[in-house]
């Protein structure tokens, strides 16, 4: 019987780094869901960047938090693996990074 490798969950800091790179425009994200951004958009936005799948939650046209992500190597991160308040990857963004990421999401 083959032993399955146990993958560690993605840390919020790892996801933050990807979001930061998007905000700095050193990485490019692509929208993989089909919902258009509309006025007062609320709900999930699913993006892909360099093999990462990231689900961001928008609340009343504002980037609120990261609900989940999957890395290219199959590791998974979610609100369940980031249990403490304030450890969501979006909460690590500076105000400028947050605003820039929102702007980039709107033009997708």
N, C-alpha and C. Protein backbone atom coordinates (compact mmCIF):
# COMPACT_ATOMS: atom_id res chain seq x y z
N UNK A 1 0.84 -1.18 0.00
CA UNK A 1 0.00 0.00 0.00
C UNK A 1 0.89 1.24 0.00
N UNK A 2 0.56 2.19 -0.88
CA UNK A 2 1.35 3.41 -1.00
C UNK A 2 0.92 4.42 0.06
N UNK A 3 1.91 4.97 0.75
CA UNK A 3 1.61 5.97 1.77
C UNK A 3 1.36 7.32 1.11
N UNK A 4 0.23 7.96 1.44
CA UNK A 4 -0.08 9.26 0.89
C UNK A 4 0.66 10.34 1.67
N UNK A 5 1.16 11.31 0.91
CA UNK A 5 1.85 12.42 1.54
C UNK A 5 0.84 13.38 2.15
N UNK A 6 1.10 13.79 3.37
CA UNK A 6 0.22 14.73 4.05
C UNK A 6 0.72 16.14 3.76
N UNK A 7 -0.12 16.92 3.08
CA UNK A 7 0.25 18.27 2.72
C UNK A 7 -0.15 19.25 3.82
N UNK A 8 0.75 20.15 4.14
CA UNK A 8 0.43 21.16 5.15
C UNK A 8 -0.46 22.22 4.52
N UNK A 9 -1.33 22.83 5.31
CA UNK A 9 -2.20 23.87 4.76
C UNK A 9 -1.41 25.11 4.37
N UNK A 10 -1.98 25.87 3.49
CA UNK A 10 -1.38 27.13 3.05
C UNK A 10 -1.52 28.14 4.18
N UNK A 11 -0.48 28.85 4.48
CA UNK A 11 -0.57 29.87 5.52
C UNK A 11 -1.14 31.16 4.94
N UNK A 12 -1.71 31.96 5.80
CA UNK A 12 -2.25 33.25 5.38
C UNK A 12 -1.14 34.14 4.83
N UNK A 13 0.05 34.03 5.37
CA UNK A 13 1.19 34.83 4.89
C UNK A 13 1.57 34.46 3.45
N UNK A 14 1.50 33.17 3.12
CA UNK A 14 1.78 32.75 1.75
C UNK A 14 0.79 33.36 0.76
N UNK A 15 -0.47 33.34 1.12
CA UNK A 15 -1.51 33.90 0.25
C UNK A 15 -1.36 35.41 0.18
N UNK A 16 -1.07 36.03 1.30
CA UNK A 16 -0.83 37.48 1.32
C UNK A 16 0.25 37.85 0.32
N UNK A 17 1.34 37.07 0.27
CA UNK A 17 2.44 37.39 -0.64
C UNK A 17 1.97 37.38 -2.09
N UNK A 18 1.12 36.42 -2.45
CA UNK A 18 0.58 36.36 -3.81
C UNK A 18 -0.31 37.58 -4.07
N UNK A 19 -1.18 37.93 -3.11
CA UNK A 19 -2.04 39.10 -3.26
C UNK A 19 -1.22 40.37 -3.38
N UNK A 20 -0.15 40.46 -2.60
CA UNK A 20 0.74 41.62 -2.65
C UNK A 20 1.40 41.73 -4.02
N UNK A 21 1.86 40.60 -4.55
CA UNK A 21 2.49 40.59 -5.88
C UNK A 21 1.50 41.03 -6.96
N UNK A 22 0.24 40.66 -6.80
CA UNK A 22 -0.79 41.11 -7.74
C UNK A 22 -0.94 42.62 -7.64
N UNK A 23 -1.04 43.12 -6.42
CA UNK A 23 -1.20 44.57 -6.21
C UNK A 23 -0.01 45.34 -6.78
N UNK A 24 1.18 44.79 -6.65
CA UNK A 24 2.39 45.44 -7.17
C UNK A 24 2.55 45.20 -8.67
N UNK A 25 1.66 44.42 -9.23
CA UNK A 25 1.63 44.07 -10.65
C UNK A 25 2.88 43.34 -11.12
N UNK A 26 3.46 42.54 -10.22
CA UNK A 26 4.54 41.65 -10.62
C UNK A 26 3.99 40.28 -11.00
N UNK A 27 2.72 40.04 -10.66
CA UNK A 27 1.98 38.85 -11.09
C UNK A 27 0.64 39.31 -11.64
N UNK A 28 0.13 38.55 -12.60
CA UNK A 28 -1.13 38.91 -13.23
C UNK A 28 -2.19 37.87 -12.87
N UNK A 29 -3.34 38.34 -12.43
CA UNK A 29 -4.43 37.43 -12.11
C UNK A 29 -5.41 37.38 -13.28
N UNK A 30 -6.10 36.24 -13.36
CA UNK A 30 -7.12 36.02 -14.38
C UNK A 30 -8.38 35.57 -13.67
N UNK A 31 -9.48 36.13 -14.04
CA UNK A 31 -10.77 35.77 -13.44
C UNK A 31 -11.19 34.42 -13.98
N UNK A 32 -11.56 33.47 -13.12
CA UNK A 32 -11.99 32.16 -13.59
C UNK A 32 -13.46 31.87 -13.31
N UNK A 33 -14.15 32.84 -12.72
CA UNK A 33 -15.60 32.70 -12.64
C UNK A 33 -16.19 33.64 -13.71
N UNK A 34 -17.45 33.53 -13.97
CA UNK A 34 -18.06 34.30 -15.05
C UNK A 34 -18.94 35.44 -14.59
N UNK A 35 -18.92 35.77 -13.31
CA UNK A 35 -19.76 36.84 -12.82
C UNK A 35 -19.13 38.19 -13.14
N UNK A 36 -19.86 39.08 -13.82
CA UNK A 36 -19.30 40.41 -14.06
C UNK A 36 -19.31 41.23 -12.77
N UNK A 37 -18.37 42.15 -12.66
CA UNK A 37 -18.37 43.06 -11.53
C UNK A 37 -19.44 44.10 -11.79
N UNK A 38 -20.38 44.23 -10.93
CA UNK A 38 -21.47 45.19 -11.11
C UNK A 38 -21.47 46.17 -9.94
N UNK A 39 -22.24 47.24 -10.09
CA UNK A 39 -22.38 48.17 -8.98
C UNK A 39 -22.89 47.42 -7.76
N UNK A 40 -22.35 47.75 -6.61
CA UNK A 40 -22.71 47.10 -5.35
C UNK A 40 -22.52 45.59 -5.43
N UNK A 41 -21.45 45.17 -6.09
CA UNK A 41 -21.14 43.75 -6.21
C UNK A 41 -20.92 43.16 -4.82
N UNK A 42 -21.54 42.03 -4.57
CA UNK A 42 -21.36 41.30 -3.33
C UNK A 42 -21.27 39.83 -3.67
N UNK A 43 -20.29 39.16 -3.13
CA UNK A 43 -20.14 37.73 -3.36
C UNK A 43 -18.72 37.35 -3.70
N UNK A 44 -18.53 36.09 -4.10
CA UNK A 44 -17.18 35.62 -4.38
C UNK A 44 -16.68 36.05 -5.76
N UNK A 45 -15.38 36.24 -5.83
CA UNK A 45 -14.66 36.45 -7.08
C UNK A 45 -13.53 35.43 -7.06
N UNK A 46 -13.48 34.57 -8.07
CA UNK A 46 -12.47 33.52 -8.12
C UNK A 46 -11.44 33.90 -9.18
N UNK A 47 -10.18 33.96 -8.76
CA UNK A 47 -9.10 34.33 -9.67
C UNK A 47 -8.02 33.24 -9.66
N UNK A 48 -7.21 33.28 -10.72
CA UNK A 48 -6.07 32.37 -10.84
C UNK A 48 -4.84 33.22 -11.12
N UNK A 49 -3.74 32.87 -10.47
CA UNK A 49 -2.47 33.53 -10.71
C UNK A 49 -1.35 32.50 -10.53
N UNK A 50 -0.62 32.25 -11.58
CA UNK A 50 0.51 31.30 -11.54
C UNK A 50 0.14 29.96 -10.91
N UNK A 51 -1.03 29.45 -11.23
CA UNK A 51 -1.46 28.15 -10.71
C UNK A 51 -2.18 28.20 -9.37
N UNK A 52 -2.21 29.34 -8.73
CA UNK A 52 -2.95 29.52 -7.48
C UNK A 52 -4.40 29.81 -7.83
N UNK A 53 -5.33 29.17 -7.17
CA UNK A 53 -6.74 29.51 -7.26
C UNK A 53 -7.13 30.22 -5.98
N UNK A 54 -7.64 31.44 -6.09
CA UNK A 54 -7.94 32.24 -4.90
C UNK A 54 -9.38 32.74 -4.97
N UNK A 55 -10.15 32.49 -3.91
CA UNK A 55 -11.52 32.97 -3.81
C UNK A 55 -11.55 34.15 -2.86
N UNK A 56 -11.86 35.31 -3.43
CA UNK A 56 -11.95 36.55 -2.65
C UNK A 56 -13.42 36.91 -2.49
N UNK A 57 -13.77 37.45 -1.34
CA UNK A 57 -15.15 37.84 -1.07
C UNK A 57 -15.26 39.35 -1.13
N UNK A 58 -16.22 39.81 -1.93
CA UNK A 58 -16.50 41.22 -2.09
C UNK A 58 -17.81 41.51 -1.37
N UNK A 59 -17.83 42.55 -0.56
CA UNK A 59 -19.04 42.94 0.16
C UNK A 59 -19.33 44.40 -0.17
N UNK A 60 -20.44 44.63 -0.84
CA UNK A 60 -20.85 45.98 -1.23
C UNK A 60 -19.73 46.72 -1.95
N UNK A 61 -19.16 46.07 -2.96
CA UNK A 61 -18.15 46.65 -3.83
C UNK A 61 -16.80 46.87 -3.15
N UNK A 62 -16.57 46.22 -2.01
CA UNK A 62 -15.32 46.37 -1.27
C UNK A 62 -14.71 44.99 -1.02
N UNK A 63 -13.41 44.86 -1.28
CA UNK A 63 -12.72 43.61 -1.00
C UNK A 63 -12.76 43.37 0.51
N UNK A 64 -13.38 42.26 0.90
CA UNK A 64 -13.59 42.00 2.32
C UNK A 64 -12.57 41.00 2.88
N UNK A 65 -12.50 39.80 2.28
CA UNK A 65 -11.58 38.79 2.80
C UNK A 65 -11.33 37.70 1.76
N UNK A 66 -10.36 36.86 2.06
CA UNK A 66 -10.04 35.69 1.23
C UNK A 66 -10.71 34.49 1.89
N UNK A 67 -11.58 33.82 1.15
CA UNK A 67 -12.30 32.68 1.71
C UNK A 67 -11.51 31.37 1.59
N UNK A 68 -10.75 31.24 0.50
CA UNK A 68 -10.05 29.98 0.28
C UNK A 68 -9.02 30.14 -0.83
N UNK A 69 -8.09 29.20 -0.87
CA UNK A 69 -7.11 29.17 -1.96
C UNK A 69 -6.56 27.76 -2.12
N UNK A 70 -6.04 27.52 -3.30
CA UNK A 70 -5.36 26.27 -3.61
C UNK A 70 -4.05 26.61 -4.30
N UNK A 71 -2.97 25.97 -3.90
CA UNK A 71 -1.66 26.23 -4.49
C UNK A 71 -1.45 25.31 -5.69
N UNK A 72 -0.46 25.62 -6.51
CA UNK A 72 -0.16 24.74 -7.64
C UNK A 72 0.20 23.30 -7.22
N UNK A 73 0.74 23.13 -6.01
CA UNK A 73 1.10 21.79 -5.55
C UNK A 73 -0.04 21.08 -4.81
N UNK A 74 -1.24 21.70 -4.80
CA UNK A 74 -2.41 21.05 -4.23
C UNK A 74 -2.71 21.36 -2.78
N UNK A 75 -1.91 22.19 -2.15
CA UNK A 75 -2.20 22.55 -0.76
C UNK A 75 -3.40 23.49 -0.73
N UNK A 76 -4.14 23.44 0.37
CA UNK A 76 -5.37 24.22 0.49
C UNK A 76 -5.30 25.09 1.73
N UNK A 77 -5.84 26.29 1.60
CA UNK A 77 -5.98 27.19 2.74
C UNK A 77 -7.39 27.75 2.74
N UNK A 78 -7.92 28.00 3.91
CA UNK A 78 -9.27 28.55 4.02
C UNK A 78 -9.45 29.20 5.37
N UNK A 79 -10.63 29.74 5.58
CA UNK A 79 -10.91 30.35 6.87
C UNK A 79 -10.75 29.35 8.01
N UNK A 80 -10.94 28.07 7.72
CA UNK A 80 -10.76 27.05 8.76
C UNK A 80 -9.29 26.86 9.13
N UNK A 81 -8.39 27.11 8.17
CA UNK A 81 -6.96 26.95 8.48
C UNK A 81 -6.33 28.25 8.95
N UNK A 82 -7.08 29.34 8.88
CA UNK A 82 -6.63 30.64 9.40
C UNK A 82 -7.58 31.01 10.53
N UNK A 83 -7.55 30.30 11.66
CA UNK A 83 -8.61 30.41 12.66
C UNK A 83 -8.66 31.68 13.49
N UNK A 84 -7.55 32.35 13.67
CA UNK A 84 -7.56 33.51 14.55
C UNK A 84 -8.06 34.75 13.83
N UNK A 85 -8.78 35.59 14.53
CA UNK A 85 -9.25 36.86 13.98
C UNK A 85 -8.06 37.68 13.51
N UNK A 86 -8.18 38.26 12.33
CA UNK A 86 -7.12 39.11 11.82
C UNK A 86 -6.03 38.39 11.05
N UNK A 87 -6.17 37.08 10.85
CA UNK A 87 -5.14 36.35 10.12
C UNK A 87 -5.57 36.02 8.70
N UNK A 88 -6.69 36.56 8.24
CA UNK A 88 -7.08 36.42 6.85
C UNK A 88 -6.03 37.12 5.99
N UNK A 89 -5.62 36.54 4.85
CA UNK A 89 -4.58 37.15 4.03
C UNK A 89 -4.87 38.60 3.62
N UNK A 90 -6.11 38.95 3.38
CA UNK A 90 -6.46 40.32 2.98
C UNK A 90 -6.15 41.30 4.11
N UNK A 91 -6.26 40.85 5.35
CA UNK A 91 -6.00 41.75 6.49
C UNK A 91 -4.54 42.16 6.59
N UNK A 92 -3.63 41.42 5.95
CA UNK A 92 -2.21 41.76 5.96
C UNK A 92 -1.86 42.83 4.94
N UNK A 93 -2.74 43.10 3.98
CA UNK A 93 -2.45 44.09 2.94
C UNK A 93 -2.40 45.50 3.52
N UNK A 94 -1.48 46.30 3.02
CA UNK A 94 -1.49 47.72 3.39
C UNK A 94 -2.71 48.36 2.74
N UNK A 95 -3.05 49.56 3.14
CA UNK A 95 -4.21 50.23 2.55
C UNK A 95 -4.00 50.43 1.05
N UNK A 96 -2.79 50.81 0.65
CA UNK A 96 -2.50 50.99 -0.78
C UNK A 96 -2.65 49.67 -1.54
N UNK A 97 -2.09 48.58 -0.99
CA UNK A 97 -2.20 47.27 -1.64
C UNK A 97 -3.66 46.85 -1.77
N UNK A 98 -4.43 47.06 -0.71
CA UNK A 98 -5.85 46.72 -0.70
C UNK A 98 -6.59 47.49 -1.79
N UNK A 99 -6.37 48.81 -1.85
CA UNK A 99 -7.03 49.64 -2.86
C UNK A 99 -6.62 49.24 -4.27
N UNK A 100 -5.35 48.96 -4.46
CA UNK A 100 -4.84 48.55 -5.76
C UNK A 100 -5.45 47.22 -6.20
N UNK A 101 -5.54 46.27 -5.28
CA UNK A 101 -6.13 44.97 -5.60
C UNK A 101 -7.61 45.13 -5.97
N UNK A 102 -8.34 45.95 -5.23
CA UNK A 102 -9.74 46.22 -5.58
C UNK A 102 -9.86 46.81 -6.99
N UNK A 103 -8.99 47.77 -7.30
CA UNK A 103 -9.01 48.39 -8.62
C UNK A 103 -8.76 47.36 -9.71
N UNK A 104 -7.77 46.51 -9.49
CA UNK A 104 -7.45 45.48 -10.48
C UNK A 104 -8.58 44.46 -10.64
N UNK A 105 -9.25 44.15 -9.55
CA UNK A 105 -10.39 43.21 -9.62
C UNK A 105 -11.53 43.81 -10.44
N UNK A 106 -11.76 45.10 -10.31
CA UNK A 106 -12.85 45.74 -11.04
C UNK A 106 -12.66 45.70 -12.56
N UNK A 107 -11.41 45.74 -13.01
CA UNK A 107 -11.16 45.78 -14.45
C UNK A 107 -11.05 44.40 -15.08
N UNK A 108 -11.12 43.36 -14.29
CA UNK A 108 -11.07 41.99 -14.85
C UNK A 108 -12.32 41.70 -15.66
